[in-house]
Amino acid sequence: MKKILLVSITLLCIIASLAFAESMGFRKKRPAYHEYANVVMNTVSEKNNMAPVVFNHWLHRARYTCRVCHVDLKFAMKAGATAITEAANSKGRYCGACHNGNEAFASTDKEESGKKPVTNCVRCHSYGKTVQFENNFYAYTKDFPRARFGNGIDWLKAEQKGQVKLKDFLEGVSTLKKEGENPSDEVLKPTVGEMPEIIFSHKKHAVWNGCELCHPVIFSEKKGANKFTMAQIFEGKYCGTCHGKVSFSTLDCQRCHVKRVL
């Protein structure tokens, strides 16, 4: 009975996702594991005769919390909404907060005596190019816990097992967070009666996001004030701000709908 219920839930989510895609006039091709959540940045690149930047979320999320980039560094949650320029980066803003030759590689390697400085432009401006990257997704994640969708990695378990060490503070950029108690898990009742209830873990989200990434812009802090539907999540609102784009897919219903129907 339990197996039939789980299969039914999965099929319902898949059908709902496809129906929404069809209603919007598109059906997205599922990306390869190493491409899931990649963002192509082209605000000014091609205008300056440069290939667009391909930002790989997987490597950055393996090293940093989401909060440090989207709160401390002010990267918008919507692709293309941040006015990133080389001038801003060179002043230590956005990508330049890390890509300075100390925290991570800079746009140009430090000049050594008798050698020409090496530019690293292609390591970011890689769209449409064949680039041999320093870190290969499949080699880097070969021992990580697996997941069914997204890029095939269960990042929550990888963090819990210590396989990824998340940095949540950048010297000179971040501010120290006040340590507080996480609210207890919250049970959310679905609007479809046959679906299991959702158990939302503040603790798991706080590890990656802190509180300020979700509150108050995406979710009201007032309990019971957030009324939303799966259709809105598929549209990229509420939980869909992250899930289905970077976090695990909205097709993986059982990751949220975990409380049994009695």
Protein backbone atom coordinates (compact mmCIF):
# COMPACT_ATOMS: atom_id res chain seq x y z
CA MET A 1 0.00 0.00 0.00
CA LYS A 2 2.80 2.38 0.98
CA LYS A 3 4.68 1.61 -2.23
CA ILE A 4 1.57 2.27 -4.34
CA LEU A 5 1.06 5.60 -2.54
CA LEU A 6 4.66 6.71 -3.16
CA VAL A 7 4.44 5.76 -6.83
CA SER A 8 1.14 7.64 -7.13
CA ILE A 9 2.64 10.76 -5.53
CA THR A 10 5.63 10.71 -7.87
CA LEU A 11 3.43 10.30 -10.94
CA LEU A 12 1.14 13.10 -9.76
CA CYS A 13 4.09 15.49 -9.39
CA ILE A 14 5.50 14.56 -12.80
CA ILE A 15 2.12 14.98 -14.50
CA ALA A 16 1.56 18.33 -12.76
CA SER A 17 5.02 19.56 -13.81
CA LEU A 18 4.50 18.53 -17.43
CA ALA A 19 1.00 19.98 -17.51
CA PHE A 20 2.29 23.30 -16.22
CA ALA A 21 5.10 23.29 -18.79
CA GLU A 22 2.66 22.58 -21.60
CA SER A 23 0.30 25.31 -20.41
CA MET A 24 3.16 27.78 -20.56
CA GLY A 25 4.04 26.71 -24.11
CA PHE A 26 7.34 25.00 -23.39
CA ARG A 27 8.87 21.76 -22.20
CA LYS A 28 12.35 21.98 -20.82
CA LYS A 29 14.95 19.38 -21.64
CA ARG A 30 16.42 17.88 -18.50
CA PRO A 31 20.04 19.13 -18.23
CA ALA A 32 23.02 16.85 -17.72
CA TYR A 33 24.06 16.41 -14.09
CA HIS A 34 27.03 18.76 -14.41
CA GLU A 35 24.86 21.41 -16.08
CA TYR A 36 21.99 21.45 -13.60
CA ALA A 37 21.59 24.92 -12.03
CA ASN A 38 24.23 26.49 -14.29
CA VAL A 39 23.53 30.16 -15.00
CA VAL A 40 24.62 31.89 -18.21
CA MET A 41 25.52 35.52 -17.45
CA ASN A 42 25.41 37.78 -20.46
CA THR A 43 24.43 41.22 -19.22
CA VAL A 44 27.44 42.93 -20.80
CA SER A 45 29.75 40.12 -22.00
CA GLU A 46 28.82 39.96 -25.69
CA LYS A 47 28.50 43.75 -25.82
CA ASN A 48 32.20 43.79 -24.96
CA ASN A 49 33.10 41.01 -27.42
CA MET A 50 33.48 38.42 -24.67
CA ALA A 51 31.82 35.01 -24.43
CA PRO A 52 29.08 34.89 -21.75
CA VAL A 53 30.01 33.63 -18.31
CA VAL A 54 28.86 30.15 -17.31
CA PHE A 55 28.41 30.07 -13.54
CA ASN A 56 28.38 26.53 -12.15
CA HIS A 57 26.36 26.41 -8.98
CA TRP A 58 27.50 22.90 -8.06
CA LEU A 59 31.12 23.85 -7.29
CA HIS A 60 30.22 27.03 -5.44
CA ARG A 61 27.56 25.29 -3.35
CA ALA A 62 30.11 22.63 -2.44
CA ARG A 63 32.25 25.32 -0.79
CA TYR A 64 30.02 28.17 0.32
CA THR A 65 26.57 28.68 1.79
CA CYS A 66 23.90 30.23 -0.40
CA ARG A 67 23.63 33.02 2.17
CA VAL A 68 27.19 34.28 1.72
CA CYS A 69 26.60 34.96 -1.99
CA HIS A 70 22.96 36.03 -2.03
CA VAL A 71 22.99 38.06 1.19
CA ASP A 72 26.53 39.25 1.88
CA LEU A 73 27.58 39.69 -1.75
CA LYS A 74 24.15 40.91 -2.90
CA PHE A 75 23.69 38.51 -5.82
CA ALA A 76 20.02 38.60 -6.82
CA MET A 77 18.08 35.35 -6.67
CA LYS A 78 16.85 35.85 -10.23
CA ALA A 79 19.26 35.06 -13.08
CA GLY A 80 20.31 38.19 -14.97
CA ALA A 81 19.07 40.59 -12.29
CA THR A 82 22.50 41.52 -10.93
CA ALA A 83 24.49 44.16 -12.81
CA ILE A 84 27.85 42.42 -12.62
CA THR A 85 30.69 44.15 -14.47
CA GLU A 86 34.45 43.67 -14.60
CA ALA A 87 34.82 47.13 -13.06
CA ALA A 88 32.69 46.09 -10.07
CA ASN A 89 34.58 42.80 -9.73
CA SER A 90 37.94 44.59 -9.76
CA LYS A 91 36.74 46.68 -6.80
CA GLY A 92 36.04 43.54 -4.80
CA ARG A 93 32.31 43.39 -5.36
CA TYR A 94 30.28 40.37 -6.54
CA CYS A 95 32.65 37.72 -8.01
CA GLY A 96 35.64 39.92 -7.13
CA ALA A 97 35.05 39.38 -3.40
CA CYS A 98 36.53 35.90 -3.84
CA HIS A 99 38.21 35.92 -7.24
CA ASN A 100 41.10 38.08 -6.11
CA GLY A 101 44.01 35.67 -6.23
CA ASN A 102 43.70 34.87 -2.53
CA GLU A 103 40.32 33.26 -1.90
CA ALA A 104 40.07 32.00 -5.50
CA PHE A 105 41.78 32.60 -8.84
CA ALA A 106 41.83 36.18 -10.13
CA SER A 107 41.13 37.36 -13.67
CA THR A 108 44.91 37.59 -14.10
CA ASP A 109 47.48 35.53 -12.21
CA LYS A 110 50.07 37.46 -10.25
CA GLU A 111 53.06 38.27 -12.41
CA GLU A 112 56.17 36.20 -11.76
CA SER A 113 59.64 37.44 -12.50
CA GLY A 114 60.52 36.91 -16.16
CA LYS A 115 57.08 35.55 -17.04
CA LYS A 116 54.08 37.11 -18.71
CA PRO A 117 50.98 37.29 -16.51
CA VAL A 118 48.41 34.60 -17.35
CA THR A 119 44.82 35.67 -17.89
CA ASN A 120 42.03 33.43 -16.62
CA CYS A 121 39.16 34.96 -18.57
CA VAL A 122 38.18 31.69 -20.27
CA ARG A 123 37.69 29.98 -16.91
CA CYS A 124 34.51 32.02 -16.49
CA HIS A 125 33.74 33.33 -19.99
CA SER A 126 33.34 29.79 -21.27
CA TYR A 127 29.97 29.71 -23.01
CA GLY A 128 30.27 27.93 -26.36
CA LYS A 129 33.90 27.01 -25.71
CA THR A 130 35.67 23.78 -24.89
CA VAL A 131 37.41 24.44 -21.60
CA GLN A 132 39.34 22.02 -19.41
CA PHE A 133 38.24 23.03 -15.92
CA GLU A 134 40.27 22.43 -12.80
CA ASN A 135 37.40 20.59 -11.11
CA ASN A 136 35.43 17.88 -12.88
CA PHE A 137 31.90 17.42 -11.54
CA TYR A 138 31.87 13.62 -11.81
CA ALA A 139 35.28 13.15 -10.20
CA TYR A 140 34.55 15.71 -7.46
CA THR A 141 31.21 14.16 -6.48
CA LYS A 142 31.90 10.46 -7.11
CA ASP A 143 31.55 9.52 -3.42
CA PHE A 144 28.70 11.91 -2.60
CA PRO A 145 25.24 10.60 -1.62
CA ARG A 146 23.01 10.21 -4.66
CA ALA A 147 19.64 11.74 -5.45
CA ARG A 148 17.13 10.97 -8.21
CA PHE A 149 16.81 14.39 -9.82
CA GLY A 150 18.68 17.68 -10.23
CA ASN A 151 22.38 16.98 -10.54
CA GLY A 152 22.02 13.59 -8.89
CA ILE A 153 23.55 14.67 -5.57
CA ASP A 154 21.91 14.78 -2.16
CA TRP A 155 23.65 17.92 -0.94
CA LEU A 156 21.95 17.86 2.46
CA LYS A 157 23.38 14.44 3.24
CA ALA A 158 26.79 15.43 1.81
CA GLU A 159 26.91 18.38 4.24
CA GLN A 160 25.69 16.29 7.17
CA LYS A 161 28.36 13.65 6.46
CA GLY A 162 31.07 16.32 6.27
CA GLN A 163 31.82 15.71 2.59
CA VAL A 164 31.31 19.40 1.92
CA LYS A 165 32.56 22.11 4.29
CA LEU A 166 30.49 25.22 3.80
CA LYS A 167 32.14 28.59 4.30
CA ASP A 168 29.68 31.18 5.62
CA PHE A 169 31.95 34.14 6.27
CA LEU A 170 34.19 36.27 4.04
CA GLU A 171 36.66 38.51 5.83
CA GLY A 172 35.96 42.16 5.13
CA VAL A 173 32.60 41.40 3.53
CA SER A 174 30.41 39.33 5.83
CA THR A 175 29.00 40.43 9.14
CA LEU A 176 28.88 38.10 12.10
CA LYS A 177 25.49 36.49 12.47
CA LYS A 178 23.72 36.35 15.78
CA GLU A 179 23.43 32.77 16.84
CA GLY A 180 19.84 31.94 17.67
CA GLU A 181 17.68 28.89 18.05
CA ASN A 182 16.09 27.52 14.91
CA PRO A 183 12.30 27.27 15.07
CA SER A 184 10.99 23.73 15.31
CA ASP A 185 9.94 21.75 12.24
CA GLU A 186 6.67 22.96 10.76
CA VAL A 187 3.94 20.72 9.37
CA LEU A 188 2.26 22.16 6.26
CA LYS A 189 -1.03 20.75 5.05
CA PRO A 190 -1.30 20.30 1.27
CA THR A 191 -4.35 21.56 -0.59
CA VAL A 192 -4.75 18.12 -2.23
CA GLY A 193 -6.13 15.79 0.40
CA GLU A 194 -4.44 12.63 -0.91
CA MET A 195 -0.95 14.11 -0.64
CA PRO A 196 1.11 13.48 2.50
CA GLU A 197 1.75 16.49 4.70
CA ILE A 198 4.93 18.50 4.29
CA ILE A 199 7.45 18.67 7.10
CA PHE A 200 9.47 21.84 6.69
CA SER A 201 12.83 21.81 8.50
CA HIS A 202 14.06 25.26 9.52
CA LYS A 203 17.29 23.69 10.76
CA LYS A 204 18.24 22.20 7.38
CA HIS A 205 17.44 25.41 5.52
CA ALA A 206 19.29 27.58 8.04
CA VAL A 207 22.56 25.71 7.42
CA TRP A 208 22.59 26.86 3.81
CA ASN A 209 20.47 30.01 3.81
CA GLY A 210 20.46 31.53 7.25
CA CYS A 211 17.14 33.25 7.96
CA GLU A 212 17.52 36.42 5.93
CA LEU A 213 17.67 34.73 2.52
CA CYS A 214 14.06 33.56 2.88
CA HIS A 215 12.60 36.18 5.25
CA PRO A 216 10.92 38.55 4.71
CA VAL A 217 11.16 38.83 0.90
CA ILE A 218 10.21 35.28 -0.17
CA PHE A 219 8.24 34.24 2.91
CA SER A 220 6.52 36.25 5.61
CA GLU A 221 7.89 35.55 9.07
CA LYS A 222 4.37 35.32 10.47
CA LYS A 223 3.26 31.74 10.92
CA GLY A 224 0.30 30.85 8.71
CA ALA A 225 0.62 33.97 6.56
CA ASN A 226 2.12 32.17 3.57
CA LYS A 227 -0.56 30.65 1.34
CA PHE A 228 0.79 29.13 -1.85
CA THR A 229 0.13 26.36 -4.35
CA MET A 230 2.21 23.93 -6.38
CA ALA A 231 1.34 25.96 -9.48
CA GLN A 232 3.01 28.99 -7.90
CA ILE A 233 6.04 26.89 -6.94
CA PHE A 234 6.32 25.67 -10.55
CA GLU A 235 6.22 29.34 -11.58
CA GLY A 236 9.34 29.96 -9.49
CA LYS A 237 7.66 31.55 -6.49
CA TYR A 238 7.96 30.67 -2.79
CA CYS A 239 9.79 27.29 -2.56
CA GLY A 240 10.25 27.44 -6.35
CA THR A 241 12.64 30.36 -5.93
CA CYS A 242 15.29 27.68 -5.29
CA HIS A 243 13.73 24.26 -5.81
CA GLY A 244 13.74 23.13 -9.40
CA LYS A 245 16.45 25.67 -10.26
CA VAL A 246 19.34 25.01 -7.87
CA SER A 247 18.01 22.98 -4.95
CA PHE A 248 16.51 19.54 -5.49
CA SER A 249 13.84 19.26 -8.15
CA THR A 250 10.13 19.82 -7.59
CA LEU A 251 9.68 16.39 -9.20
CA ASP A 252 11.19 14.80 -6.08
CA CYS A 253 7.89 14.99 -4.18
CA GLN A 254 8.87 12.66 -1.34
CA ARG A 255 11.64 14.96 -0.17
CA CYS A 256 8.99 17.40 1.12
CA HIS A 257 5.76 15.39 1.33
CA VAL A 258 7.07 13.01 3.97
CA LYS A 259 4.35 12.70 6.62
CA ARG A 260 2.18 9.66 6.03
CA VAL A 261 -1.51 9.97 5.29
CA LEU A 262 -3.43 8.03 7.96
